[in-house]
mmCIF file of all heavy atoms, coordinates in Angstrom:
data_MODEL
# 
_entry.id   MODEL 
# 
loop_
_atom_site.group_PDB 
_atom_site.id 
_atom_site.type_symbol 
_atom_site.label_atom_id 
_atom_site.label_alt_id 
_atom_site.label_comp_id 
_atom_site.label_asym_id 
_atom_site.label_entity_id 
_atom_site.label_seq_id 
_atom_site.pdbx_PDB_ins_code 
_atom_site.Cartn_x 
_atom_site.Cartn_y 
_atom_site.Cartn_z 
_atom_site.occupancy 
_atom_site.B_iso_or_equiv 
_atom_site.pdbx_formal_charge 
_atom_site.auth_seq_id 
_atom_site.auth_comp_id 
_atom_site.auth_asym_id 
_atom_site.auth_atom_id 
_atom_site.pdbx_PDB_model_num 
ATOM 1   N N   . ILE A 1 1  ? 55.913 14.415 -57.739 1.00 0.00 ? 1  ILE A N   1 
ATOM 2   C CA  . ILE A 1 1  ? 57.060 13.502 -57.604 1.00 0.00 ? 1  ILE A CA  1 
ATOM 3   C C   . ILE A 1 1  ? 57.425 13.373 -56.136 1.00 0.00 ? 1  ILE A C   1 
ATOM 4   O O   . ILE A 1 1  ? 57.461 14.325 -55.390 1.00 0.00 ? 1  ILE A O   1 
ATOM 5   C CB  . ILE A 1 1  ? 58.223 14.023 -58.444 1.00 0.00 ? 1  ILE A CB  1 
ATOM 6   C CG1 . ILE A 1 1  ? 57.852 13.942 -59.935 1.00 0.00 ? 1  ILE A CG1 1 
ATOM 7   C CG2 . ILE A 1 1  ? 59.476 13.165 -58.201 1.00 0.00 ? 1  ILE A CG2 1 
ATOM 8   C CD1 . ILE A 1 1  ? 58.921 14.567 -60.874 1.00 0.00 ? 1  ILE A CD1 1 
ATOM 9   N N   . ASN A 1 2  ? 57.728 12.141 -55.739 1.00 0.00 ? 2  ASN A N   1 
ATOM 10  C CA  . ASN A 1 2  ? 58.185 11.868 -54.367 1.00 0.00 ? 2  ASN A CA  1 
ATOM 11  C C   . ASN A 1 2  ? 59.286 10.830 -54.425 1.00 0.00 ? 2  ASN A C   1 
ATOM 12  O O   . ASN A 1 2  ? 59.744 10.408 -55.542 1.00 0.00 ? 2  ASN A O   1 
ATOM 13  C CB  . ASN A 1 2  ? 56.988 11.374 -53.540 1.00 0.00 ? 2  ASN A CB  1 
ATOM 14  C CG  . ASN A 1 2  ? 56.258 10.250 -54.195 1.00 0.00 ? 2  ASN A CG  1 
ATOM 15  O OD1 . ASN A 1 2  ? 56.848 9.307  -54.690 1.00 0.00 ? 2  ASN A OD1 1 
ATOM 16  N ND2 . ASN A 1 2  ? 54.910 10.342 -54.254 1.00 0.00 ? 2  ASN A ND2 1 
ATOM 17  N N   . ALA A 1 3  ? 59.772 10.463 -53.290 1.00 0.00 ? 3  ALA A N   1 
ATOM 18  C CA  . ALA A 1 3  ? 60.910 9.504  -53.233 1.00 0.00 ? 3  ALA A CA  1 
ATOM 19  C C   . ALA A 1 3  ? 60.569 8.134  -53.808 1.00 0.00 ? 3  ALA A C   1 
ATOM 20  O O   . ALA A 1 3  ? 61.444 7.390  -54.279 1.00 0.00 ? 3  ALA A O   1 
ATOM 21  C CB  . ALA A 1 3  ? 61.427 9.366  -51.801 1.00 0.00 ? 3  ALA A CB  1 
ATOM 22  N N   . ALA A 1 4  ? 59.251 7.760  -53.817 1.00 0.00 ? 4  ALA A N   1 
ATOM 23  C CA  . ALA A 1 4  ? 58.852 6.458  -54.348 1.00 0.00 ? 4  ALA A CA  1 
ATOM 24  C C   . ALA A 1 4  ? 58.813 6.458  -55.841 1.00 0.00 ? 4  ALA A C   1 
ATOM 25  O O   . ALA A 1 4  ? 59.233 5.473  -56.435 1.00 0.00 ? 4  ALA A O   1 
ATOM 26  C CB  . ALA A 1 4  ? 57.451 6.107  -53.758 1.00 0.00 ? 4  ALA A CB  1 
ATOM 27  N N   . ASN A 1 5  ? 58.380 7.494  -56.473 1.00 0.00 ? 5  ASN A N   1 
ATOM 28  C CA  . ASN A 1 5  ? 58.219 7.458  -57.903 1.00 0.00 ? 5  ASN A CA  1 
ATOM 29  C C   . ASN A 1 5  ? 59.353 8.182  -58.651 1.00 0.00 ? 5  ASN A C   1 
ATOM 30  O O   . ASN A 1 5  ? 59.450 8.122  -59.890 1.00 0.00 ? 5  ASN A O   1 
ATOM 31  C CB  . ASN A 1 5  ? 56.843 8.040  -58.358 1.00 0.00 ? 5  ASN A CB  1 
ATOM 32  C CG  . ASN A 1 5  ? 56.624 9.478  -57.942 1.00 0.00 ? 5  ASN A CG  1 
ATOM 33  O OD1 . ASN A 1 5  ? 57.540 10.265 -57.872 1.00 0.00 ? 5  ASN A OD1 1 
ATOM 34  N ND2 . ASN A 1 5  ? 55.380 9.798  -57.666 1.00 0.00 ? 5  ASN A ND2 1 
ATOM 35  N N   . ALA A 1 6  ? 60.274 8.827  -57.952 1.00 0.00 ? 6  ALA A N   1 
ATOM 36  C CA  . ALA A 1 6  ? 61.399 9.521  -58.610 1.00 0.00 ? 6  ALA A CA  1 
ATOM 37  C C   . ALA A 1 6  ? 62.180 8.599  -59.507 1.00 0.00 ? 6  ALA A C   1 
ATOM 38  O O   . ALA A 1 6  ? 62.577 8.933  -60.636 1.00 0.00 ? 6  ALA A O   1 
ATOM 39  C CB  . ALA A 1 6  ? 62.294 10.235 -57.558 1.00 0.00 ? 6  ALA A CB  1 
ATOM 40  N N   . PRO A 1 7  ? 62.527 7.373  -59.062 1.00 0.00 ? 7  PRO A N   1 
ATOM 41  C CA  . PRO A 1 7  ? 63.300 6.498  -59.964 1.00 0.00 ? 7  PRO A CA  1 
ATOM 42  C C   . PRO A 1 7  ? 62.630 6.190  -61.270 1.00 0.00 ? 7  PRO A C   1 
ATOM 43  O O   . PRO A 1 7  ? 63.279 6.080  -62.299 1.00 0.00 ? 7  PRO A O   1 
ATOM 44  C CB  . PRO A 1 7  ? 63.375 5.202  -59.119 1.00 0.00 ? 7  PRO A CB  1 
ATOM 45  C CG  . PRO A 1 7  ? 63.326 5.612  -57.706 1.00 0.00 ? 7  PRO A CG  1 
ATOM 46  C CD  . PRO A 1 7  ? 62.330 6.771  -57.734 1.00 0.00 ? 7  PRO A CD  1 
ATOM 47  N N   . SER A 1 8  ? 61.280 6.126  -61.336 1.00 0.00 ? 8  SER A N   1 
ATOM 48  C CA  . SER A 1 8  ? 60.607 5.896  -62.562 1.00 0.00 ? 8  SER A CA  1 
ATOM 49  C C   . SER A 1 8  ? 60.762 7.067  -63.512 1.00 0.00 ? 8  SER A C   1 
ATOM 50  O O   . SER A 1 8  ? 60.788 6.910  -64.768 1.00 0.00 ? 8  SER A O   1 
ATOM 51  C CB  . SER A 1 8  ? 59.097 5.585  -62.353 1.00 0.00 ? 8  SER A CB  1 
ATOM 52  O OG  . SER A 1 8  ? 58.448 6.759  -61.846 1.00 0.00 ? 8  SER A OG  1 
ATOM 53  N N   . VAL A 1 9  ? 60.885 8.278  -62.989 1.00 0.00 ? 9  VAL A N   1 
ATOM 54  C CA  . VAL A 1 9  ? 61.126 9.463  -63.810 1.00 0.00 ? 9  VAL A CA  1 
ATOM 55  C C   . VAL A 1 9  ? 62.482 9.425  -64.380 1.00 0.00 ? 9  VAL A C   1 
ATOM 56  O O   . VAL A 1 9  ? 62.754 9.736  -65.576 1.00 0.00 ? 9  VAL A O   1 
ATOM 57  C CB  . VAL A 1 9  ? 60.861 10.742 -62.982 1.00 0.00 ? 9  VAL A CB  1 
ATOM 58  C CG1 . VAL A 1 9  ? 61.186 12.029 -63.816 1.00 0.00 ? 9  VAL A CG1 1 
ATOM 59  C CG2 . VAL A 1 9  ? 59.468 10.809 -62.390 1.00 0.00 ? 9  VAL A CG2 1 
ATOM 60  N N   . MET A 1 10 ? 63.452 8.979  -63.565 1.00 0.00 ? 10 MET A N   1 
ATOM 61  C CA  . MET A 1 10 ? 64.826 8.905  -64.039 1.00 0.00 ? 10 MET A CA  1 
ATOM 62  C C   . MET A 1 10 ? 64.984 7.870  -65.166 1.00 0.00 ? 10 MET A C   1 
ATOM 63  O O   . MET A 1 10 ? 65.771 8.051  -66.072 1.00 0.00 ? 10 MET A O   1 
ATOM 64  C CB  . MET A 1 10 ? 65.737 8.577  -62.902 1.00 0.00 ? 10 MET A CB  1 
ATOM 65  C CG  . MET A 1 10 ? 65.759 9.588  -61.790 1.00 0.00 ? 10 MET A CG  1 
ATOM 66  S SD  . MET A 1 10 ? 66.367 11.208 -62.287 1.00 0.00 ? 10 MET A SD  1 
ATOM 67  C CE  . MET A 1 10 ? 68.111 10.866 -62.587 1.00 0.00 ? 10 MET A CE  1 
ATOM 68  N N   . LYS A 1 11 ? 64.200 6.802  -65.118 1.00 0.00 ? 11 LYS A N   1 
ATOM 69  C CA  . LYS A 1 11 ? 64.251 5.773  -66.085 1.00 0.00 ? 11 LYS A CA  1 
ATOM 70  C C   . LYS A 1 11 ? 63.834 6.270  -67.508 1.00 0.00 ? 11 LYS A C   1 
ATOM 71  O O   . LYS A 1 11 ? 64.174 5.618  -68.505 1.00 0.00 ? 11 LYS A O   1 
ATOM 72  C CB  . LYS A 1 11 ? 63.401 4.601  -65.688 1.00 0.00 ? 11 LYS A CB  1 
ATOM 73  C CG  . LYS A 1 11 ? 63.975 3.726  -64.578 1.00 0.00 ? 11 LYS A CG  1 
ATOM 74  C CD  . LYS A 1 11 ? 63.082 2.576  -64.199 1.00 0.00 ? 11 LYS A CD  1 
ATOM 75  C CE  . LYS A 1 11 ? 63.681 1.763  -63.060 1.00 0.00 ? 11 LYS A CE  1 
ATOM 76  N NZ  . LYS A 1 11 ? 62.737 0.671  -62.629 1.00 0.00 ? 11 LYS A NZ  1 
ATOM 77  N N   . GLU A 1 12 ? 63.146 7.364  -67.522 1.00 0.00 ? 12 GLU A N   1 
ATOM 78  C CA  . GLU A 1 12 ? 62.710 7.960  -68.814 1.00 0.00 ? 12 GLU A CA  1 
ATOM 79  C C   . GLU A 1 12 ? 63.757 8.844  -69.413 1.00 0.00 ? 12 GLU A C   1 
ATOM 80  O O   . GLU A 1 12 ? 63.545 9.458  -70.430 1.00 0.00 ? 12 GLU A O   1 
ATOM 81  C CB  . GLU A 1 12 ? 61.376 8.697  -68.644 1.00 0.00 ? 12 GLU A CB  1 
ATOM 82  C CG  . GLU A 1 12 ? 60.226 7.873  -68.119 1.00 0.00 ? 12 GLU A CG  1 
ATOM 83  C CD  . GLU A 1 12 ? 59.891 6.720  -69.056 1.00 0.00 ? 12 GLU A CD  1 
ATOM 84  O OE1 . GLU A 1 12 ? 60.137 6.842  -70.303 1.00 0.00 ? 12 GLU A OE1 1 
ATOM 85  O OE2 . GLU A 1 12 ? 59.366 5.697  -68.578 1.00 0.00 ? 12 GLU A OE2 1 
ATOM 86  N N   . GLY A 1 13 ? 64.904 8.999  -68.727 1.00 0.00 ? 13 GLY A N   1 
ATOM 87  C CA  . GLY A 1 13 ? 66.016 9.753  -69.227 1.00 0.00 ? 13 GLY A CA  1 
ATOM 88  C C   . GLY A 1 13 ? 66.160 11.122 -68.584 1.00 0.00 ? 13 GLY A C   1 
ATOM 89  O O   . GLY A 1 13 ? 67.008 11.919 -68.994 1.00 0.00 ? 13 GLY A O   1 
ATOM 90  N N   . ALA A 1 14 ? 65.377 11.435 -67.559 1.00 0.00 ? 14 ALA A N   1 
ATOM 91  C CA  . ALA A 1 14 ? 65.410 12.726 -66.895 1.00 0.00 ? 14 ALA A CA  1 
ATOM 92  C C   . ALA A 1 14 ? 66.756 12.827 -66.208 1.00 0.00 ? 14 ALA A C   1 
ATOM 93  O O   . ALA A 1 14 ? 67.390 11.855 -65.800 1.00 0.00 ? 14 ALA A O   1 
ATOM 94  C CB  . ALA A 1 14 ? 64.327 12.858 -65.876 1.00 0.00 ? 14 ALA A CB  1 
ATOM 95  N N   . SER A 1 15 ? 67.233 14.094 -66.066 1.00 0.00 ? 15 SER A N   1 
ATOM 96  C CA  . SER A 1 15 ? 68.463 14.358 -65.373 1.00 0.00 ? 15 SER A CA  1 
ATOM 97  C C   . SER A 1 15 ? 68.300 14.537 -63.848 1.00 0.00 ? 15 SER A C   1 
ATOM 98  O O   . SER A 1 15 ? 69.271 14.623 -63.126 1.00 0.00 ? 15 SER A O   1 
ATOM 99  C CB  . SER A 1 15 ? 69.136 15.622 -65.931 1.00 0.00 ? 15 SER A CB  1 
ATOM 100 O OG  . SER A 1 15 ? 69.498 15.453 -67.334 1.00 0.00 ? 15 SER A OG  1 
ATOM 101 N N   . GLY A 1 16 ? 67.046 14.687 -63.439 1.00 0.00 ? 16 GLY A N   1 
ATOM 102 C CA  . GLY A 1 16 ? 66.774 14.872 -62.055 1.00 0.00 ? 16 GLY A CA  1 
ATOM 103 C C   . GLY A 1 16 ? 65.263 15.060 -61.856 1.00 0.00 ? 16 GLY A C   1 
ATOM 104 O O   . GLY A 1 16 ? 64.495 14.991 -62.776 1.00 0.00 ? 16 GLY A O   1 
ATOM 105 N N   . VAL A 1 17 ? 64.901 15.396 -60.622 1.00 0.00 ? 17 VAL A N   1 
ATOM 106 C CA  . VAL A 1 17 ? 63.521 15.682 -60.299 1.00 0.00 ? 17 VAL A CA  1 
ATOM 107 C C   . VAL A 1 17 ? 63.343 16.898 -59.431 1.00 0.00 ? 17 VAL A C   1 
ATOM 108 O O   . VAL A 1 17 ? 64.315 17.406 -58.865 1.00 0.00 ? 17 VAL A O   1 
ATOM 109 C CB  . VAL A 1 17 ? 62.875 14.435 -59.528 1.00 0.00 ? 17 VAL A CB  1 
ATOM 110 C CG1 . VAL A 1 17 ? 62.915 13.174 -60.390 1.00 0.00 ? 17 VAL A CG1 1 
ATOM 111 C CG2 . VAL A 1 17 ? 63.576 14.247 -58.178 1.00 0.00 ? 17 VAL A CG2 1 
ATOM 112 N N   . CYS A 1 18 ? 62.117 17.442 -59.435 1.00 0.00 ? 18 CYS A N   1 
ATOM 113 C CA  . CYS A 1 18 ? 61.789 18.592 -58.507 1.00 0.00 ? 18 CYS A CA  1 
ATOM 114 C C   . CYS A 1 18 ? 60.785 18.105 -57.483 1.00 0.00 ? 18 CYS A C   1 
ATOM 115 O O   . CYS A 1 18 ? 59.830 17.384 -57.873 1.00 0.00 ? 18 CYS A O   1 
ATOM 116 C CB  . CYS A 1 18 ? 61.206 19.694 -59.311 1.00 0.00 ? 18 CYS A CB  1 
ATOM 117 S SG  . CYS A 1 18 ? 62.253 20.297 -60.697 1.00 0.00 ? 18 CYS A SG  1 
ATOM 118 N N   . ILE A 1 19 ? 60.921 18.467 -56.243 1.00 0.00 ? 19 ILE A N   1 
ATOM 119 C CA  . ILE A 1 19 ? 59.954 18.106 -55.204 1.00 0.00 ? 19 ILE A CA  1 
ATOM 120 C C   . ILE A 1 19 ? 59.663 19.369 -54.385 1.00 0.00 ? 19 ILE A C   1 
ATOM 121 O O   . ILE A 1 19 ? 60.546 20.106 -53.986 1.00 0.00 ? 19 ILE A O   1 
ATOM 122 C CB  . ILE A 1 19 ? 60.561 17.026 -54.258 1.00 0.00 ? 19 ILE A CB  1 
ATOM 123 C CG1 . ILE A 1 19 ? 60.812 15.762 -55.022 1.00 0.00 ? 19 ILE A CG1 1 
ATOM 124 C CG2 . ILE A 1 19 ? 59.646 16.841 -53.098 1.00 0.00 ? 19 ILE A CG2 1 
ATOM 125 C CD1 . ILE A 1 19 ? 61.378 14.585 -54.182 1.00 0.00 ? 19 ILE A CD1 1 
ATOM 126 N N   . MET A 1 20 ? 58.362 19.608 -54.210 1.00 0.00 ? 20 MET A N   1 
ATOM 127 C CA  . MET A 1 20 ? 57.897 20.743 -53.427 1.00 0.00 ? 20 MET A CA  1 
ATOM 128 C C   . MET A 1 20 ? 57.327 20.287 -52.100 1.00 0.00 ? 20 MET A C   1 
ATOM 129 O O   . MET A 1 20 ? 57.810 20.622 -51.044 1.00 0.00 ? 20 MET A O   1 
ATOM 130 C CB  . MET A 1 20 ? 56.836 21.568 -54.208 1.00 0.00 ? 20 MET A CB  1 
ATOM 131 C CG  . MET A 1 20 ? 56.250 22.715 -53.441 1.00 0.00 ? 20 MET A CG  1 
ATOM 132 S SD  . MET A 1 20 ? 54.952 23.557 -54.304 1.00 0.00 ? 20 MET A SD  1 
ATOM 133 C CE  . MET A 1 20 ? 55.803 24.327 -55.624 1.00 0.00 ? 20 MET A CE  1 
ATOM 134 N N   . SER A 1 21 ? 56.187 19.556 -52.124 1.00 0.00 ? 21 SER A N   1 
ATOM 135 C CA  . SER A 1 21 ? 55.444 19.236 -50.941 1.00 0.00 ? 21 SER A CA  1 
ATOM 136 C C   . SER A 1 21 ? 56.269 18.494 -49.845 1.00 0.00 ? 21 SER A C   1 
ATOM 137 O O   . SER A 1 21 ? 56.163 18.777 -48.711 1.00 0.00 ? 21 SER A O   1 
ATOM 138 C CB  . SER A 1 21 ? 54.164 18.391 -51.311 1.00 0.00 ? 21 SER A CB  1 
ATOM 139 O OG  . SER A 1 21 ? 53.372 19.120 -52.142 1.00 0.00 ? 21 SER A OG  1 
ATOM 140 N N   . GLY A 1 22 ? 57.096 17.515 -50.349 1.00 0.00 ? 22 GLY A N   1 
ATOM 141 C CA  . GLY A 1 22 ? 57.841 16.772 -49.385 1.00 0.00 ? 22 GLY A CA  1 
ATOM 142 C C   . GLY A 1 22 ? 58.736 17.650 -48.532 1.00 0.00 ? 22 GLY A C   1 
ATOM 143 O O   . GLY A 1 22 ? 58.859 17.501 -47.309 1.00 0.00 ? 22 GLY A O   1 
ATOM 144 N N   . PHE A 1 23 ? 59.450 18.550 -49.196 1.00 0.00 ? 23 PHE A N   1 
ATOM 145 C CA  . PHE A 1 23 ? 60.365 19.430 -48.457 1.00 0.00 ? 23 PHE A CA  1 
ATOM 146 C C   . PHE A 1 23 ? 59.594 20.501 -47.640 1.00 0.00 ? 23 PHE A C   1 
ATOM 147 O O   . PHE A 1 23 ? 60.063 20.854 -46.562 1.00 0.00 ? 23 PHE A O   1 
ATOM 148 C CB  . PHE A 1 23 ? 61.322 20.120 -49.422 1.00 0.00 ? 23 PHE A CB  1 
ATOM 149 C CG  . PHE A 1 23 ? 62.372 19.227 -49.937 1.00 0.00 ? 23 PHE A CG  1 
ATOM 150 C CD1 . PHE A 1 23 ? 62.382 18.863 -51.276 1.00 0.00 ? 23 PHE A CD1 1 
ATOM 151 C CD2 . PHE A 1 23 ? 63.352 18.710 -49.091 1.00 0.00 ? 23 PHE A CD2 1 
ATOM 152 C CE1 . PHE A 1 23 ? 63.410 17.981 -51.757 1.00 0.00 ? 23 PHE A CE1 1 
ATOM 153 C CE2 . PHE A 1 23 ? 64.361 17.825 -49.586 1.00 0.00 ? 23 PHE A CE2 1 
ATOM 154 C CZ  . PHE A 1 23 ? 64.393 17.475 -50.927 1.00 0.00 ? 23 PHE A CZ  1 
ATOM 155 N N   . MET A 1 24 ? 58.475 20.934 -48.136 1.00 0.00 ? 24 MET A N   1 
ATOM 156 C CA  . MET A 1 24 ? 57.752 21.982 -47.420 1.00 0.00 ? 24 MET A CA  1 
ATOM 157 C C   . MET A 1 24 ? 56.949 21.488 -46.271 1.00 0.00 ? 24 MET A C   1 
ATOM 158 O O   . MET A 1 24 ? 56.709 22.165 -45.298 1.00 0.00 ? 24 MET A O   1 
ATOM 159 C CB  . MET A 1 24 ? 56.827 22.722 -48.404 1.00 0.00 ? 24 MET A CB  1 
ATOM 160 C CG  . MET A 1 24 ? 57.519 23.567 -49.473 1.00 0.00 ? 24 MET A CG  1 
ATOM 161 S SD  . MET A 1 24 ? 58.435 24.979 -48.874 1.00 0.00 ? 24 MET A SD  1 
ATOM 162 C CE  . MET A 1 24 ? 60.134 24.380 -48.941 1.00 0.00 ? 24 MET A CE  1 
ATOM 163 N N   . ARG A 1 25 ? 56.463 20.243 -46.391 1.00 0.00 ? 25 ARG A N   1 
ATOM 164 C CA  . ARG A 1 25 ? 55.489 19.663 -45.361 1.00 0.00 ? 25 ARG A CA  1 
ATOM 165 C C   . ARG A 1 25 ? 56.142 18.692 -44.400 1.00 0.00 ? 25 ARG A C   1 
ATOM 166 O O   . ARG A 1 25 ? 55.476 18.317 -43.425 1.00 0.00 ? 25 ARG A O   1 
ATOM 167 C CB  . ARG A 1 25 ? 54.380 18.979 -46.110 1.00 0.00 ? 25 ARG A CB  1 
ATOM 168 C CG  . ARG A 1 25 ? 53.447 19.918 -46.832 1.00 0.00 ? 25 ARG A CG  1 
ATOM 169 C CD  . ARG A 1 25 ? 52.363 19.155 -47.549 1.00 0.00 ? 25 ARG A CD  1 
ATOM 170 N NE  . ARG A 1 25 ? 51.358 20.080 -48.099 1.00 0.00 ? 25 ARG A NE  1 
ATOM 171 C CZ  . ARG A 1 25 ? 50.492 19.701 -49.053 1.00 0.00 ? 25 ARG A CZ  1 
ATOM 172 N NH1 . ARG A 1 25 ? 50.459 18.474 -49.522 1.00 0.00 ? 25 ARG A NH1 1 
ATOM 173 N NH2 . ARG A 1 25 ? 49.603 20.572 -49.521 1.00 0.00 ? 25 ARG A NH2 1 
# 
């Protein structure tokens, strides 16, 4: 999950997202 595809995850009813690589790299 990244900033580009996070909105598509939210559209499925998710309460939020988790991001690892973006913050670490």
